[in-house]
Protein backbone atom coordinates (compact mmCIF):
# COMPACT_ATOMS: atom_id res chain seq x y z
CA MET A 1 34.66 65.89 -103.37
CA ARG A 2 31.90 67.97 -104.99
CA HIS A 3 29.25 65.50 -103.80
CA PHE A 4 30.79 65.54 -100.30
CA THR A 5 30.53 69.35 -100.24
CA LYS A 6 26.87 69.25 -101.26
CA LEU A 7 26.19 66.63 -98.58
CA ILE A 8 27.72 68.80 -95.85
CA LEU A 9 25.61 71.78 -96.92
CA LEU A 10 22.43 69.70 -97.12
CA LEU A 11 22.98 68.17 -93.68
CA ALA A 12 23.71 71.56 -92.12
CA LEU A 13 20.62 73.20 -93.62
CA SER A 14 18.41 70.25 -92.67
CA PHE A 15 19.72 70.24 -89.10
CA TRP A 16 19.22 73.98 -88.70
CA GLY A 17 15.70 73.93 -90.16
CA ALA A 18 14.63 71.03 -87.94
CA SER A 19 16.35 72.46 -84.88
CA VAL A 20 14.70 75.86 -84.84
CA ARG A 21 11.29 74.16 -85.03
CA ALA A 22 12.03 71.66 -82.26
CA GLN A 23 11.43 72.23 -78.57
CA GLY A 24 14.63 72.86 -76.63
CA PHE A 25 16.57 74.45 -79.49
CA ASP A 26 17.53 78.10 -79.84
CA GLY A 27 18.70 79.81 -82.99
CA GLY A 28 20.46 83.01 -83.95
CA VAL A 29 21.87 85.16 -86.72
CA PHE A 30 25.12 87.09 -86.79
CA LEU A 31 26.89 89.74 -88.85
CA GLY A 32 30.44 90.97 -88.49
CA MET A 33 33.85 91.39 -90.03
CA THR A 34 37.07 89.45 -90.34
CA THR A 35 40.71 90.41 -90.55
CA SER A 36 42.95 87.71 -91.95
CA GLN A 37 46.25 86.47 -93.30
CA VAL A 38 47.42 83.38 -95.18
CA ASP A 39 50.16 81.67 -93.25
CA GLY A 40 52.81 80.51 -95.73
CA ASP A 41 52.29 83.03 -98.55
CA GLY A 42 55.35 85.16 -97.79
CA LEU A 43 53.31 88.00 -96.26
CA GLN A 44 52.76 88.81 -92.61
CA GLY A 45 49.98 90.62 -90.76
CA PHE A 46 46.19 90.49 -90.50
CA ASP A 47 45.81 93.07 -93.26
CA LEU A 48 42.75 91.96 -95.23
CA PRO A 49 39.26 92.91 -93.91
CA GLY A 50 36.26 90.85 -94.91
CA LEU A 51 32.67 89.82 -94.17
CA ASN A 52 31.43 87.26 -91.65
CA ALA A 53 27.69 86.46 -91.69
CA GLY A 54 25.46 83.49 -90.96
CA PHE A 55 23.07 81.70 -88.63
CA TYR A 56 23.08 78.84 -86.15
CA ALA A 57 21.05 76.46 -84.03
CA LYS A 58 22.07 75.41 -80.53
CA ARG A 59 20.88 73.21 -77.69
CA ALA A 60 21.79 72.94 -74.03
CA VAL A 61 24.06 70.02 -73.13
CA GLY A 62 24.44 70.96 -69.45
CA LYS A 63 23.44 73.62 -66.94
CA LYS A 64 26.00 76.07 -68.31
CA SER A 65 26.97 74.66 -71.69
CA THR A 66 25.50 74.35 -75.19
CA ALA A 67 26.36 72.75 -78.53
CA ARG A 68 25.92 74.94 -81.60
CA LEU A 69 25.95 74.21 -85.34
CA GLU A 70 26.68 77.22 -87.56
CA LEU A 71 26.41 77.94 -91.27
CA ALA A 72 28.30 81.06 -92.35
CA PHE A 73 29.76 82.94 -95.29
CA VAL A 74 33.31 84.00 -94.38
CA GLN A 75 35.82 86.04 -96.37
CA LYS A 76 39.51 85.28 -95.84
CA GLY A 77 42.80 85.96 -97.61
CA SER A 78 45.77 88.29 -97.46
CA ARG A 79 47.23 91.49 -98.89
CA ILE A 80 50.26 93.69 -98.82
CA PRO A 81 49.46 96.42 -96.26
CA PRO A 82 48.38 99.80 -97.71
CA SER A 83 51.36 101.45 -95.99
CA ASP A 84 53.61 99.77 -98.59
CA SER A 85 52.88 102.14 -101.48
CA SER A 86 55.61 100.62 -103.67
CA ASN A 87 53.74 97.34 -104.16
CA PHE A 88 50.22 95.91 -104.22
CA TYR A 89 48.80 92.43 -103.86
CA LYS A 90 45.43 91.16 -102.58
CA LEU A 91 43.98 87.68 -102.39
CA ARG A 92 40.30 87.29 -101.45
CA LEU A 93 39.14 83.77 -100.55
CA ASN A 94 35.41 83.15 -100.04
CA TYR A 95 34.21 80.19 -97.98
CA ILE A 96 31.09 78.57 -96.62
CA GLN A 97 32.03 77.59 -93.07
CA ILE A 98 30.23 74.89 -91.04
CA PRO A 99 31.61 74.53 -87.50
CA LEU A 100 30.29 72.59 -84.53
CA VAL A 101 30.91 74.70 -81.42
CA TYR A 102 30.89 73.90 -77.70
CA GLU A 103 30.03 76.92 -75.52
CA TYR A 104 30.42 77.32 -71.77
CA ARG A 105 28.50 80.16 -70.09
CA TRP A 106 29.86 82.08 -67.08
CA LYS A 107 27.69 85.02 -65.97
CA ASP A 108 27.55 87.45 -68.91
CA LEU A 109 30.45 85.77 -70.72
CA SER A 110 30.72 82.57 -72.69
CA PHE A 111 33.79 80.71 -73.93
CA GLU A 112 33.75 78.59 -77.06
CA ILE A 113 35.82 75.97 -78.83
CA GLY A 114 34.94 74.30 -82.10
CA LEU A 115 35.88 72.22 -85.10
CA GLY A 116 34.51 72.59 -88.59
CA ALA A 117 34.81 72.53 -92.36
CA ASP A 118 35.62 75.34 -94.77
CA ILE A 119 34.06 74.87 -98.20
CA PHE A 120 35.92 76.89 -100.83
CA VAL A 121 33.61 78.98 -103.05
CA ASN A 122 35.88 81.19 -105.18
CA LYS A 123 38.81 83.59 -105.12
CA LYS A 124 39.73 87.04 -106.41
CA GLU A 125 43.38 87.94 -106.89
CA GLU A 126 44.93 91.30 -107.81
CA ASP A 127 48.37 92.84 -108.12
CA LEU A 128 49.84 96.04 -109.62
CA SER A 129 48.82 94.90 -113.10
CA GLY A 130 45.19 94.38 -112.10
CA PRO A 131 43.17 91.15 -111.78
CA ARG A 132 45.21 87.97 -112.12
CA ASP A 133 44.77 84.23 -111.78
CA SER A 134 47.77 82.43 -110.35
CA PRO A 135 48.14 78.68 -110.96
CA LEU A 136 47.78 77.94 -107.26
CA GLY A 137 44.83 75.64 -106.65
CA TYR A 138 42.69 75.66 -103.49
CA TYR A 139 41.19 72.56 -101.92
CA ARG A 140 37.41 72.33 -102.03
CA VAL A 141 37.22 71.37 -98.33
CA SER A 142 39.65 72.12 -95.49
CA MET A 143 39.34 71.73 -91.74
CA VAL A 144 39.41 74.56 -89.17
CA GLY A 145 39.60 74.94 -85.40
CA LEU A 146 38.29 77.93 -83.47
CA PHE A 147 38.39 79.58 -80.07
CA GLY A 148 36.30 82.53 -78.94
CA VAL A 149 34.60 84.55 -76.24
CA SER A 150 31.19 86.26 -76.22
CA TYR A 151 29.64 88.97 -74.09
CA TYR A 152 25.87 88.87 -73.48
CA PHE A 153 24.87 92.51 -72.99
CA THR A 154 21.17 91.53 -73.11
CA ASP A 155 19.34 88.18 -73.21
CA ASN A 156 19.25 88.37 -77.02
CA TRP A 157 22.15 90.58 -78.13
CA ILE A 158 25.70 89.25 -78.00
CA LEU A 159 29.17 90.45 -79.02
CA ASN A 160 31.58 87.75 -80.19
CA LEU A 161 35.36 87.72 -80.69
CA ARG A 162 36.88 84.63 -82.31
CA THR A 163 40.08 83.28 -83.82
CA THR A 164 39.76 80.62 -86.53
CA ASN A 165 42.78 78.75 -87.89
CA SER A 166 43.21 76.12 -90.59
CA ILE A 167 44.08 72.63 -89.39
CA THR A 168 44.68 71.24 -92.88
CA ASN A 169 46.28 72.89 -95.93
CA ILE A 170 44.12 75.18 -98.06
CA SER A 171 46.20 75.01 -101.25
CA ASP A 172 48.16 72.57 -103.36
CA GLY A 173 51.66 73.96 -103.15
CA ARG A 174 53.29 76.84 -104.98
CA ASN A 175 52.53 80.58 -105.08
CA GLY A 176 54.34 82.91 -107.45
CA ALA A 177 51.91 85.78 -107.03
CA VAL A 178 53.68 87.68 -104.27
CA SER A 179 57.40 87.37 -104.88
CA GLN A 180 60.05 84.95 -106.04
CA ALA A 181 60.92 84.37 -102.38
CA ALA A 182 57.51 82.77 -101.81
CA SER A 183 58.28 79.43 -103.45
CA TYR A 184 57.59 75.96 -102.08
CA PHE A 185 56.03 75.92 -98.63
CA GLY A 186 57.09 72.43 -97.62
CA PRO A 187 54.85 69.95 -95.77
CA TYR A 188 53.15 72.70 -93.72
CA GLY A 189 51.65 74.36 -96.79
CA GLN A 190 49.34 77.37 -96.70
CA ARG A 191 46.71 77.93 -93.99
CA ASN A 192 44.21 80.64 -93.13
CA ASP A 193 44.51 82.62 -89.89
CA VAL A 194 41.44 84.74 -89.11
CA LEU A 195 40.26 87.07 -86.37
CA SER A 196 36.53 87.82 -86.46
CA PHE A 197 34.17 90.18 -84.68
CA ALA A 198 30.39 89.71 -84.83
CA LEU A 199 27.14 91.07 -83.45
CA ILE A 200 24.70 88.24 -82.71
CA TYR A 201 20.95 88.26 -82.24
CA GLU A 202 19.65 85.09 -80.58
CA PHE A 203 16.09 83.77 -80.77
CA ASN A 204 15.30 82.13 -77.45
CA ASN A 205 12.54 79.53 -77.18
């Protein structure tokens, strides 16, 4: 699995580098934030903010549509909301995300749908006692699907709103970090649910 992860990263970087040099390709960079939850961990609510940053290459596949390959660093996870002062728990999951996105342009708006891979980098877990390391293991690679909409307020500057959800499980089974009630998750397992907001600058050839 480690070699597969390296291969995905190598292919993505090679594609992006070749694409931005080739005629007919556009590229861009983006920076934004996420708010997320882990479906299946016993908590509810998009209560954990995080970072969303990366770059992409895209090419027209029709008069109003493009295909885009992205490479991004995305922070996900969950926490007990700050309003609950009697308890504390936070799980930060860091990923390299590589989605392939289809985009359809309509006037100053574009609508997107995509499929990609999340490559697990590391985690940071805390509770009332401080840093902790639960026995829950996270899969090196998981699959995600995404939907989004963008607003082009100039030819180069874009605002993007997106929801990204796990298609496959992100963990191997049991979580005792939150409460005794969060035991076995069954066949559905744990999955990331993420809302992201980003400001994009696009380099147009």
